PDB file of N, CA and C in Angstrom:
ATOM      1  N   MET A   1     -44.450 -15.785 -14.438  1.00  0.00           N
ATOM      2  CA  MET A   1     -43.849 -15.316 -12.948  1.00  0.00           C
ATOM      3  C   MET A   1     -43.012 -14.702 -13.519  1.00  0.00           C
ATOM      4  N   LEU A   2     -43.263 -13.387 -12.632  1.00  0.00           N
ATOM      5  CA  LEU A   2     -42.700 -12.314 -12.611  1.00  0.00           C
ATOM      6  C   LEU A   2     -40.949 -12.078 -12.910  1.00  0.00           C
ATOM      7  N   LEU A   3     -39.666 -10.672 -13.332  1.00  0.00           N
ATOM      8  CA  LEU A   3     -38.604 -10.889 -13.047  1.00  0.00           C
ATOM      9  C   LEU A   3     -38.206 -10.972 -11.438  1.00  0.00           C
ATOM     10  N   SER A   4     -39.384 -10.239 -10.896  1.00  0.00           N
ATOM     11  CA  SER A   4     -39.338  -9.615  -9.674  1.00  0.00           C
ATOM     12  C   SER A   4     -39.201 -11.140  -8.780  1.00  0.00           C
ATOM     13  N   GLN A   5     -39.964 -12.292  -8.988  1.00  0.00           N
ATOM     14  CA  GLN A   5     -40.116 -13.394  -8.125  1.00  0.00           C
ATOM     15  C   GLN A   5     -39.232 -14.233  -8.554  1.00  0.00           C
ATOM     16  N   SER A   6     -38.281 -14.522  -9.285  1.00  0.00           N
ATOM     17  CA  SER A   6     -37.365 -15.573  -9.789  1.00  0.00           C
ATOM     18  C   SER A   6     -36.269 -15.651  -8.681  1.00  0.00           C
ATOM     19  N   PRO A   7     -36.705 -17.039  -8.696  1.00  0.00           N
ATOM     20  CA  PRO A   7     -35.425 -17.963  -7.392  1.00  0.00           C
ATOM     21  C   PRO A   7     -34.217 -17.240  -7.512  1.00  0.00           C
ATOM     22  N   LEU A   8     -33.693 -17.212  -8.502  1.00  0.00           N
ATOM     23  CA  LEU A   8     -32.338 -17.030  -9.694  1.00  0.00           C
ATOM     24  C   LEU A   8     -31.935 -15.597  -8.575  1.00  0.00           C
ATOM     25  N   ARG A   9     -32.865 -14.523  -8.800  1.00  0.00           N
ATOM     26  CA  ARG A   9     -32.818 -12.948  -8.006  1.00  0.00           C
ATOM     27  C   ARG A   9     -33.106 -13.185  -6.744  1.00  0.00           C
ATOM     28  N   ALA A  10     -33.679 -14.031  -5.903  1.00  0.00           N
ATOM     29  CA  ALA A  10     -33.775 -13.992  -4.420  1.00  0.00           C
ATOM     30  C   ALA A  10     -32.506 -14.429  -4.467  1.00  0.00           C
ATOM     31  N   SER A  11     -31.938 -15.272  -4.546  1.00  0.00           N
ATOM     32  CA  SER A  11     -30.518 -15.918  -4.523  1.00  0.00           C
ATOM     33  C   SER A  11     -29.392 -15.405  -4.217  1.00  0.00           C
ATOM     34  N   ILE A  12     -29.249 -14.505  -5.325  1.00  0.00           N
ATOM     35  CA  ILE A  12     -28.316 -13.738  -5.646  1.00  0.00           C
ATOM     36  C   ILE A  12     -28.510 -11.981  -4.499  1.00  0.00           C
ATOM     37  N   PHE A  13     -29.693 -12.117  -4.030  1.00  0.00           N
ATOM     38  CA  PHE A  13     -29.665 -11.108  -2.935  1.00  0.00           C
ATOM     39  C   PHE A  13     -29.507 -11.803  -0.984  1.00  0.00           C
ATOM     40  N   PHE A  14     -29.810 -12.373  -1.383  1.00  0.00           N
ATOM     41  CA  PHE A  14     -29.418 -13.497  -0.190  1.00  0.00           C
ATOM     42  C   PHE A  14     -27.707 -13.613   0.068  1.00  0.00           C
ATOM     43  N   SER A  15     -27.366 -13.706  -1.000  1.00  0.00           N
ATOM     44  CA  SER A  15     -25.819 -14.265  -1.119  1.00  0.00           C
ATOM     45  C   SER A  15     -24.892 -12.343  -0.738  1.00  0.00           C
ATOM     46  N   ILE A  16     -25.875 -11.456  -1.802  1.00  0.00           N
ATOM     47  CA  ILE A  16     -25.222 -10.454  -1.349  1.00  0.00           C
ATOM     48  C   ILE A  16     -25.511  -9.751   0.202  1.00  0.00           C
ATOM     49  N   ALA A  17     -26.540 -10.261   0.633  1.00  0.00           N
ATOM     50  CA  ALA A  17     -26.906  -9.725   2.375  1.00  0.00           C
ATOM     51  C   ALA A  17     -25.462 -10.304   2.935  1.00  0.00           C
ATOM     52  N   ALA A  18     -25.403 -11.884   2.890  1.00  0.00           N
ATOM     53  CA  ALA A  18     -24.307 -12.506   3.215  1.00  0.00           C
ATOM     54  C   ALA A  18     -23.242 -12.464   3.450  1.00  0.00           C
ATOM     55  N   MET A  19     -22.630 -11.822   2.523  1.00  0.00           N
ATOM     56  CA  MET A  19     -21.435 -11.618   2.065  1.00  0.00           C
ATOM     57  C   MET A  19     -20.934 -10.432   2.830  1.00  0.00           C
ATOM     58  N   ALA A  20     -22.077  -9.077   3.191  1.00  0.00           N
ATOM     59  CA  ALA A  20     -22.476  -7.641   3.250  1.00  0.00           C
ATOM     60  C   ALA A  20     -21.926  -8.039   5.164  1.00  0.00           C
ATOM     61  N   SER A  21     -23.057  -9.111   5.741  1.00  0.00           N
ATOM     62  CA  SER A  21     -22.482  -9.793   7.459  1.00  0.00           C
ATOM     63  C   SER A  21     -21.326  -9.770   7.440  1.00  0.00           C
ATOM     64  N   LEU A  22     -21.121 -10.564   6.940  1.00  0.00           N
ATOM     65  CA  LEU A  22     -19.480 -11.292   7.336  1.00  0.00           C
ATOM     66  C   LEU A  22     -18.624 -10.088   7.336  1.00  0.00           C
ATOM     67  N   THR A  23     -18.452  -9.389   6.265  1.00  0.00           N
ATOM     68  CA  THR A  23     -17.607  -8.398   5.682  1.00  0.00           C
ATOM     69  C   THR A  23     -17.218  -7.742   7.359  1.00  0.00           C
ATOM     70  N   LEU A  24     -18.725  -7.109   7.575  1.00  0.00           N
ATOM     71  CA  LEU A  24     -19.127  -6.248   8.971  1.00  0.00           C
ATOM     72  C   LEU A  24     -18.817  -7.009  10.128  1.00  0.00           C
ATOM     73  N   PHE A  25     -18.773  -8.104   9.899  1.00  0.00           N
ATOM     74  CA  PHE A  25     -18.452  -9.119  11.181  1.00  0.00           C
ATOM     75  C   PHE A  25     -16.867  -9.142  11.550  1.00  0.00           C
ATOM     76  N   THR A  26     -16.338  -9.492  10.400  1.00  0.00           N
ATOM     77  CA  THR A  26     -14.861  -9.464  10.136  1.00  0.00           C
ATOM     78  C   THR A  26     -14.499  -8.598  10.468  1.00  0.00           C
ATOM     79  N   ALA A  27     -15.012  -7.420  10.102  1.00  0.00           N
ATOM     80  CA  ALA A  27     -13.908  -5.740  10.706  1.00  0.00           C
ATOM     81  C   ALA A  27     -14.208  -5.669  12.434  1.00  0.00           C
ATOM     82  N   THR A  28     -15.404  -5.805  12.482  1.00  0.00           N
ATOM     83  CA  THR A  28     -15.415  -5.782  13.930  1.00  0.00           C
ATOM     84  C   THR A  28     -15.495  -6.476  14.559  1.00  0.00           C
ATOM     85  N   THR A  29     -14.917  -7.585  14.899  1.00  0.00           N
ATOM     86  CA  THR A  29     -13.714  -8.510  15.682  1.00  0.00           C
ATOM     87  C   THR A  29     -12.473  -9.064  14.991  1.00  0.00           C
ATOM     88  N   ALA A  30     -11.992  -8.578  14.276  1.00  0.00           N
ATOM     89  CA  ALA A  30     -10.388  -7.530  14.072  1.00  0.00           C
ATOM     90  C   ALA A  30     -10.117  -6.484  14.715  1.00  0.00           C
ATOM     91  N   GLU A  31     -10.833  -5.565  14.516  1.00  0.00           N
ATOM     92  CA  GLU A  31     -10.608  -3.892  15.182  1.00  0.00           C
ATOM     93  C   GLU A  31     -10.729  -4.633  17.108  1.00  0.00           C
ATOM     94  N   ALA A  32     -11.422  -5.217  17.259  1.00  0.00           N
ATOM     95  CA  ALA A  32     -11.913  -5.699  18.845  1.00  0.00           C
ATOM     96  C   ALA A  32     -10.060  -6.479  19.352  1.00  0.00           C
ATOM     97  N   ARG A  33     -10.031  -7.201  18.515  1.00  0.00           N
ATOM     98  CA  ARG A  33      -8.587  -8.131  18.579  1.00  0.00           C
ATOM     99  C   ARG A  33      -7.565  -7.061  18.221  1.00  0.00           C
ATOM    100  N   SER A  34      -7.845  -5.887  17.465  1.00  0.00           N
ATOM    101  CA  SER A  34      -5.843  -5.108  17.895  1.00  0.00           C
ATOM    102  C   SER A  34      -6.267  -3.892  18.899  1.00  0.00           C
ATOM    103  N   THR A  35      -6.981  -3.723  19.936  1.00  0.00           N
ATOM    104  CA  THR A  35      -7.162  -2.725  20.539  1.00  0.00           C
ATOM    105  C   THR A  35      -5.526  -2.504  21.329  1.00  0.00           C
ATOM    106  N   PRO A  36      -4.788  -1.442  21.269  1.00  0.00           N
ATOM    107  CA  PRO A  36      -3.044  -1.489  21.421  1.00  0.00           C
ATOM    108  C   PRO A  36      -3.631  -1.363  23.147  1.00  0.00           C
ATOM    109  N   ILE A  37      -2.607  -2.023  23.984  1.00  0.00           N
ATOM    110  CA  ILE A  37      -2.310  -2.010  25.284  1.00  0.00           C
ATOM    111  C   ILE A  37      -1.655  -0.805  24.933  1.00  0.00           C
ATOM    112  N   ALA A  38      -1.794  -0.268  26.090  1.00  0.00           N
ATOM    113  CA  ALA A  38      -1.259   1.178  27.108  1.00  0.00           C
ATOM    114  C   ALA A  38      -0.870   0.659  28.118  1.00  0.00           C
ATOM    115  N   TYR A  39      -1.551   0.093  29.239  1.00  0.00           N
ATOM    116  CA  TYR A  39      -0.876  -0.108  30.890  1.00  0.00           C
ATOM    117  C   TYR A  39       0.123  -1.538  30.306  1.00  0.00           C
ATOM    118  N   THR A  40       0.825  -2.082  31.091  1.00  0.00           N
ATOM    119  CA  THR A  40       1.483  -2.846  31.516  1.00  0.00           C
ATOM    120  C   THR A  40       1.971  -2.640  32.906  1.00  0.00           C
ATOM    121  N   ALA A  41       1.866  -3.805  33.995  1.00  0.00           N
ATOM    122  CA  ALA A  41       1.904  -3.947  35.269  1.00  0.00           C
ATOM    123  C   ALA A  41       2.195  -5.496  35.323  1.00  0.00           C
ATOM    124  N   GLU A  42       3.221  -5.352  36.602  1.00  0.00           N
ATOM    125  CA  GLU A  42       4.125  -7.038  36.883  1.00  0.00           C
ATOM    126  C   GLU A  42       3.779  -6.888  38.186  1.00  0.00           C
ATOM    127  N   LEU A  43       2.699  -8.022  38.619  1.00  0.00           N
ATOM    128  CA  LEU A  43       2.418  -7.725  40.139  1.00  0.00           C
ATOM    129  C   LEU A  43       3.559  -8.282  40.659  1.00  0.00           C
ATOM    130  N   GLN A  44       3.620  -8.230  42.089  1.00  0.00           N
ATOM    131  CA  GLN A  44       4.360  -8.633  43.689  1.00  0.00           C
ATOM    132  C   GLN A  44       4.170 -10.299  43.622  1.00  0.00           C
ATOM    133  N   ALA A  45       2.883 -10.723  43.721  1.00  0.00           N
ATOM    134  CA  ALA A  45       2.521 -12.168  43.808  1.00  0.00           C
ATOM    135  C   ALA A  45       1.192 -12.277  42.526  1.00  0.00           C
ATOM    136  N   PRO A  46       1.655 -13.931  42.196  1.00  0.00           N
ATOM    137  CA  PRO A  46       0.677 -14.401  40.936  1.00  0.00           C
ATOM    138  C   PRO A  46      -0.740 -14.338  41.474  1.00  0.00           C
ATOM    139  N   VAL A  47      -1.499 -13.997  40.492  1.00  0.00           N
ATOM    140  CA  VAL A  47      -2.926 -14.097  40.568  1.00  0.00           C
ATOM    141  C   VAL A  47      -3.422 -15.281  39.221  1.00  0.00           C
ATOM    142  N   GLU A  48      -4.555 -15.755  39.732  1.00  0.00           N
ATOM    143  CA  GLU A  48      -5.501 -16.557  38.734  1.00  0.00           C
ATOM    144  C   GLU A  48      -5.711 -15.505  37.588  1.00  0.00           C
ATOM    145  N   SER A  49      -5.571 -16.440  36.169  1.00  0.00           N
ATOM    146  CA  SER A  49      -6.212 -15.606  34.897  1.00  0.00           C
ATOM    147  C   SER A  49      -7.670 -14.842  35.307  1.00  0.00           C
ATOM    148  N   SER A  50      -7.426 -13.736  35.172  1.00  0.00           N
ATOM    149  CA  SER A  50      -8.804 -12.840  35.035  1.00  0.00           C
ATOM    150  C   SER A  50      -8.649 -11.478  34.302  1.00  0.00           C
ATOM    151  N   GLN A  51      -9.910 -10.870  34.399  1.00  0.00           N
ATOM    152  CA  GLN A  51     -10.101  -9.241  33.486  1.00  0.00           C
ATOM    153  C   GLN A  51     -11.087  -8.821  34.039  1.00  0.00           C
ATOM    154  N   GLU A  52     -11.151  -7.848  34.592  1.00  0.00           N
ATOM    155  CA  GLU A  52     -11.706  -6.129  34.911  1.00  0.00           C
ATOM    156  C   GLU A  52     -11.725  -5.024  34.054  1.00  0.00           C
ATOM    157  N   ILE A  53     -12.615  -4.223  34.143  1.00  0.00           N
ATOM    158  CA  ILE A  53     -12.748  -3.343  33.501  1.00  0.00           C
ATOM    159  C   ILE A  53     -12.573  -2.750  34.876  1.00  0.00           C
ATOM    160  N   ILE A  54     -11.364  -1.333  34.667  1.00  0.00           N
ATOM    161  CA  ILE A  54     -11.214  -0.546  35.609  1.00  0.00           C
ATOM    162  C   ILE A  54     -10.488   0.492  35.267  1.00  0.00           C
ATOM    163  N   LYS A  55     -11.791   1.564  35.707  1.00  0.00           N
ATOM    164  CA  LYS A  55     -11.594   3.045  35.084  1.00  0.00           C
ATOM    165  C   LYS A  55     -11.706   3.174  33.761  1.00  0.00           C
ATOM    166  N   GLY A  56     -12.412   2.312  33.569  1.00  0.00           N
ATOM    167  CA  GLY A  56     -12.956   2.050  31.719  1.00  0.00           C
ATOM    168  C   GLY A  56     -11.686   1.085  30.633  1.00  0.00           C
ATOM    169  N   ALA A  57     -10.500   0.648  31.412  1.00  0.00           N
ATOM    170  CA  ALA A  57      -9.792  -0.131  30.737  1.00  0.00           C
ATOM    171  C   ALA A  57      -9.911  -1.169  30.985  1.00  0.00           C
ATOM    172  N   VAL A  58      -9.666  -2.185  29.994  1.00  0.00           N
ATOM    173  CA  VAL A  58      -9.823  -4.290  30.213  1.00  0.00           C
ATOM    174  C   VAL A  58      -8.603  -4.254  30.565  1.00  0.00           C
ATOM    175  N   VAL A  59      -8.550  -4.573  31.899  1.00  0.00           N
ATOM    176  CA  VAL A  59      -7.278  -5.138  32.618  1.00  0.00           C
ATOM    177  C   VAL A  59      -7.142  -6.532  32.576  1.00  0.00           C
ATOM    178  N   ARG A  60      -6.239  -6.943  31.546  1.00  0.00           N
ATOM    179  CA  ARG A  60      -5.952  -8.793  32.367  1.00  0.00           C
ATOM    180  C   ARG A  60      -4.738  -9.346  32.938  1.00  0.00           C
ATOM    181  N   CYS A  61      -4.877  -9.663  33.675  1.00  0.00           N
ATOM    182  CA  CYS A  61      -4.123 -10.630  34.013  1.00  0.00           C
ATOM    183  C   CYS A  61      -3.570 -11.668  34.651  1.00  0.00           C
ATOM    184  N   SER A  62      -2.658 -12.326  34.698  1.00  0.00           N
ATOM    185  CA  SER A  62      -2.252 -14.180  34.409  1.00  0.00           C
ATOM    186  C   SER A  62      -0.947 -13.791  34.994  1.00  0.00           C
ATOM    187  N   GLY A  63      -0.569 -14.701  36.118  1.00  0.00           N
ATOM    188  CA  GLY A  63       0.235 -15.335  37.160  1.00  0.00           C
ATOM    189  C   GLY A  63       0.748 -13.404  37.122  1.00  0.00           C
ATOM    190  N   THR A  64       2.073 -13.179  37.182  1.00  0.00           N
ATOM    191  CA  THR A  64       2.523 -11.772  37.101  1.00  0.00           C
ATOM    192  C   THR A  64       2.263 -10.465  36.730  1.00  0.00           C
ATOM    193  N   GLY A  65       1.436 -10.860  35.526  1.00  0.00           N
ATOM    194  CA  GLY A  65       1.686 -10.357  34.533  1.00  0.00           C
ATOM    195  C   GLY A  65       0.299  -9.366  34.645  1.00  0.00           C
ATOM    196  N   CYS A  66      -0.027  -8.213  33.874  1.00  0.00           N
ATOM    197  CA  CYS A  66      -0.915  -7.429  33.464  1.00  0.00           C
ATOM    198  C   CYS A  66      -0.808  -6.609  32.287  1.00  0.00           C
ATOM    199  N   VAL A  67      -1.899  -6.541  31.137  1.00  0.00           N
ATOM    200  CA  VAL A  67      -1.977  -5.150  30.249  1.00  0.00           C
ATOM    201  C   VAL A  67      -2.836  -4.942  30.542  1.00  0.00           C
ATOM    202  N   GLY A  68      -3.184  -3.817  29.705  1.00  0.00           N
ATOM    203  CA  GLY A  68      -4.721  -2.909  30.119  1.00  0.00           C
ATOM    204  C   GLY A  68      -4.679  -2.033  28.907  1.00  0.00           C
ATOM    205  N   THR A  69      -6.288  -1.934  28.329  1.00  0.00           N
ATOM    206  CA  THR A  69      -6.505  -0.904  27.417  1.00  0.00           C
ATOM    207  C   THR A  69      -6.438   0.681  27.506  1.00  0.00           C
ATOM    208  N   LYS A  70      -6.416   1.777  26.596  1.00  0.00           N
ATOM    209  CA  LYS A  70      -6.290   2.944  27.065  1.00  0.00           C
ATOM    210  C   LYS A  70      -7.733   3.291  27.811  1.00  0.00           C
ATOM    211  N   SER A  71      -7.275   3.759  28.955  1.00  0.00           N
ATOM    212  CA  SER A  71      -8.690   4.540  29.618  1.00  0.00           C
ATOM    213  C   SER A  71      -8.855   5.960  29.437  1.00  0.00           C
ATOM    214  N   ASN A  72      -9.644   6.412  29.984  1.00  0.00           N
ATOM    215  CA  ASN A  72      -9.819   8.045  30.171  1.00  0.00           C
ATOM    216  C   ASN A  72      -9.118   8.875  31.447  1.00  0.00           C
ATOM    217  N   SER A  73      -9.223   8.054  32.574  1.00  0.00           N
ATOM    218  CA  SER A  73      -8.656   8.419  33.590  1.00  0.00           C
ATOM    219  C   SER A  73      -6.790   8.523  33.864  1.00  0.00           C
ATOM    220  N   SER A  74      -6.237   8.947  34.486  1.00  0.00           N
ATOM    221  CA  SER A  74      -4.670   9.036  34.671  1.00  0.00           C
ATOM    222  C   SER A  74      -4.168   7.815  34.961  1.00  0.00           C
ATOM    223  N   ALA A  75      -3.103   7.826  34.137  1.00  0.00           N
ATOM    224  CA  ALA A  75      -2.200   6.548  34.174  1.00  0.00           C
ATOM    225  C   ALA A  75      -1.833   6.313  35.777  1.00  0.00           C
ATOM    226  N   ARG A  76      -1.482   6.958  37.414  1.00  0.00           N
ATOM    227  CA  ARG A  76      -1.578   6.938  38.106  1.00  0.00           C
ATOM    228  C   ARG A  76      -2.963   6.387  38.632  1.00  0.00           C
ATOM    229  N   SER A  77      -4.164   6.694  38.756  1.00  0.00           N
ATOM    230  CA  SER A  77      -5.582   6.413  38.901  1.00  0.00           C
ATOM    231  C   SER A  77      -5.741   5.208  38.326  1.00  0.00           C
ATOM    232  N   VAL A  78      -5.296   4.359  37.246  1.00  0.00           N
ATOM    233  CA  VAL A  78      -5.421   3.480  36.858  1.00  0.00           C
ATOM    234  C   VAL A  78      -4.396   2.210  37.676  1.00  0.00           C
ATOM    235  N   CYS A  79      -3.184   2.919  37.949  1.00  0.00           N
ATOM    236  CA  CYS A  79      -2.176   1.799  38.687  1.00  0.00           C
ATOM    237  C   CYS A  79      -2.747   1.331  40.054  1.00  0.00           C
ATOM    238  N   ALA A  80      -3.369   2.523  40.602  1.00  0.00           N
ATOM    239  CA  ALA A  80      -3.980   2.519  42.256  1.00  0.00           C
ATOM    240  C   ALA A  80      -5.269   1.021  42.657  1.00  0.00           C
ATOM    241  N   LYS A  81      -6.047   1.350  41.076  1.00  0.00           N
ATOM    242  CA  LYS A  81      -6.815   0.987  41.035  1.00  0.00           C
ATOM    243  C   LYS A  81      -7.067  -0.686  40.425  1.00  0.00           C
ATOM    244  N   ILE A  82      -5.490  -1.200  39.660  1.00  0.00           N
ATOM    245  CA  ILE A  82      -5.056  -2.439  39.674  1.00  0.00           C
ATOM    246  C   ILE A  82      -4.547  -2.784  41.018  1.00  0.00           C
ATOM    247  N   ALA A  83      -3.788  -2.118  41.371  1.00  0.00           N
ATOM    248  CA  ALA A  83      -2.740  -1.806  43.123  1.00  0.00           C
ATOM    249  C   ALA A  83      -4.301  -2.419  43.571  1.00  0.00           C
ATOM    250  N   ASP A  84      -4.803  -1.846  44.309  1.00  0.00           N
ATOM    251  CA  ASP A  84      -6.048  -2.184  44.963  1.00  0.00           C
ATOM    252  C   ASP A  84      -6.844  -3.392  44.486  1.00  0.00           C
ATOM    253  N   LYS A  85      -7.249  -3.846  42.950  1.00  0.00           N
ATOM    254  CA  LYS A  85      -7.892  -4.856  42.560  1.00  0.00           C
ATOM    255  C   LYS A  85      -6.843  -5.899  43.031  1.00  0.00           C
ATOM    256  N   PHE A  86      -6.071  -6.041  42.466  1.00  0.00           N
ATOM    257  CA  PHE A  86      -4.817  -7.842  42.563  1.00  0.00           C
ATOM    258  C   PHE A  86      -3.932  -7.314  42.872  1.00  0.00           C
ATOM    259  N   GLY A  87      -3.087  -6.781  43.939  1.00  0.00           N
ATOM    260  CA  GLY A  87      -1.983  -6.670  44.850  1.00  0.00           C
ATOM    261  C   GLY A  87      -1.212  -5.488  44.452  1.00  0.00           C
ATOM    262  N   PRO A  88      -0.320  -5.771  45.205  1.00  0.00           N
ATOM    263  CA  PRO A  88       0.993  -4.923  45.026  1.00  0.00           C
ATOM    264  C   PRO A  88       1.709  -4.935  44.186  1.00  0.00           C
ATOM    265  N   LEU A  89       1.991  -3.506  43.110  1.00  0.00           N
ATOM    266  CA  LEU A  89       2.993  -3.781  41.913  1.00  0.00           C
ATOM    267  C   LEU A  89       4.196  -3.904  42.052  1.00  0.00           C
ATOM    268  N   ALA A  90       5.239  -4.537  41.276  1.00  0.00           N
ATOM    269  CA  ALA A  90       6.622  -4.505  41.110  1.00  0.00           C
ATOM    270  C   ALA A  90       7.352  -3.899  40.085  1.00  0.00           C
ATOM    271  N   SER A  91       5.889  -3.111  39.682  1.00  0.00           N
ATOM    272  CA  SER A  91       6.032  -1.809  37.999  1.00  0.00           C
ATOM    273  C   SER A  91       4.826  -2.145  37.323  1.00  0.00           C
ATOM    274  N   PHE A  92       4.958  -0.896  37.097  1.00  0.00           N
ATOM    275  CA  PHE A  92       3.643  -0.577  36.305  1.00  0.00           C
ATOM    276  C   PHE A  92       4.076   0.790  35.367  1.00  0.00           C
ATOM    277  N   ALA A  93       4.005   0.717  33.847  1.00  0.00           N
ATOM    278  CA  ALA A  93       4.137   1.329  32.887  1.00  0.00           C
ATOM    279  C   ALA A  93       2.668   1.605  31.966  1.00  0.00           C
ATOM    280  N   TYR A  94       3.219   2.982  31.590  1.00  0.00           N
ATOM    281  CA  TYR A  94       1.742   3.552  31.075  1.00  0.00           C
ATOM    282  C   TYR A  94       3.130   3.922  29.169  1.00  0.00           C
ATOM    283  N   LYS A  95       1.932   2.984  28.150  1.00  0.00           N
ATOM    284  CA  LYS A  95       2.701   3.719  27.071  1.00  0.00           C
ATOM    285  C   LYS A  95       4.348   3.465  27.168  1.00  0.00           C
ATOM    286  N   ASP A  96       4.152   2.242  27.755  1.00  0.00           N
ATOM    287  CA  ASP A  96       6.239   2.140  27.783  1.00  0.00           C
ATOM    288  C   ASP A  96       6.803   3.052  29.009  1.00  0.00           C
ATOM    289  N   GLU A  97       6.542   3.866  29.085  1.00  0.00           N
ATOM    290  CA  GLU A  97       7.166   4.855  30.009  1.00  0.00           C
ATOM    291  C   GLU A  97       6.839   4.299  31.665  1.00  0.00           C
ATOM    292  N   ALA A  98       7.952   3.657  31.783  1.00  0.00           N
ATOM    293  CA  ALA A  98       7.491   3.123  33.560  1.00  0.00           C
ATOM    294  C   ALA A  98       7.576   3.860  34.422  1.00  0.00           C
ATOM    295  N   PHE A  99       6.740   3.971  35.539  1.00  0.00           N
ATOM    296  CA  PHE A  99       6.778   4.799  37.064  1.00  0.00           C
ATOM    297  C   PHE A  99       7.976   4.141  37.635  1.00  0.00           C
ATOM    298  N   ASP A 100       8.487   5.645  38.352  1.00  0.00           N
ATOM    299  CA  ASP A 100       9.603   5.520  39.306  1.00  0.00           C
ATOM    300  C   ASP A 100       9.163   4.908  40.940  1.00  0.00           C
ATOM    301  N   ALA A 101      10.301   4.939  41.359  1.00  0.00           N
ATOM    302  CA  ALA A 101      10.109   3.959  42.605  1.00  0.00           C
ATOM    303  C   ALA A 101       8.871   4.630  43.456  1.00  0.00           C
ATOM    304  N   GLU A 102       8.875   6.088  43.441  1.00  0.00           N
ATOM    305  CA  GLU A 102       7.982   7.137  44.121  1.00  0.00           C
ATOM    306  C   GLU A 102       6.334   7.124  43.716  1.00  0.00           C
ATOM    307  N   ALA A 103       6.414   7.029  42.403  1.00  0.00           N
ATOM    308  CA  ALA A 103       5.169   7.077  41.977  1.00  0.00           C
ATOM    309  C   ALA A 103       4.278   5.229  42.181  1.00  0.00           C
ATOM    310  N   LEU A 104       5.115   4.312  42.098  1.00  0.00           N
ATOM    311  CA  LEU A 104       4.738   3.403  42.072  1.00  0.00           C
ATOM    312  C   LEU A 104       4.422   3.090  43.661  1.00  0.00           C
ATOM    313  N   ALA A 105       5.116   3.651  44.955  1.00  0.00           N
ATOM    314  CA  ALA A 105       4.715   3.325  46.249  1.00  0.00           C
ATOM    315  C   ALA A 105       3.450   4.031  46.301  1.00  0.00           C
ATOM    316  N   GLN A 106       3.098   5.098  46.001  1.00  0.00           N
ATOM    317  CA  GLN A 106       1.926   5.580  45.849  1.00  0.00           C
ATOM    318  C   GLN A 106       0.576   4.848  45.130  1.00  0.00           C
ATOM    319  N   CYS A 107       0.816   3.998  43.769  1.00  0.00           N
ATOM    320  CA  CYS A 107       0.060   3.358  43.395  1.00  0.00           C
ATOM    321  C   CYS A 107      -0.332   2.445  44.686  1.00  0.00           C
ATOM    322  N   ASN A 108       1.091   1.594  45.278  1.00  0.00           N
ATOM    323  CA  ASN A 108       0.475   0.479  45.995  1.00  0.00           C
ATOM    324  C   ASN A 108      -0.113   0.551  47.434  1.00  0.00           C
ATOM    325  N   ASP A 109      -0.354   2.277  47.768  1.00  0.00           N
ATOM    326  CA  ASP A 109      -0.405   2.810  49.232  1.00  0.00           C
ATOM    327  C   ASP A 109      -2.053   2.695  49.165  1.00  0.00           C
TER     328      ASP A 109
END
């Protein structure tokens, strides 16, 4: 038997490949879970738990609260689309900066 056909060598290569795959999978899922929240919204009426892609942002709503990831669209555009999809908003903030009453009224129109 040649050294290149050794069962021990095959086991070592398999173990290395398995560890590399596990490391890459763990890093990818951890990154997906740690995506920062860019948008927060409070709805005027509660909704069932749901998730939507709005202007490129992943928006999750449950009860009267919504959170969303960053989008390449303007905050006003995302605000208006959330109001269209889930109903009138009681409040909306982008990166912890709350919209004033006038901006919020424009989202709800």
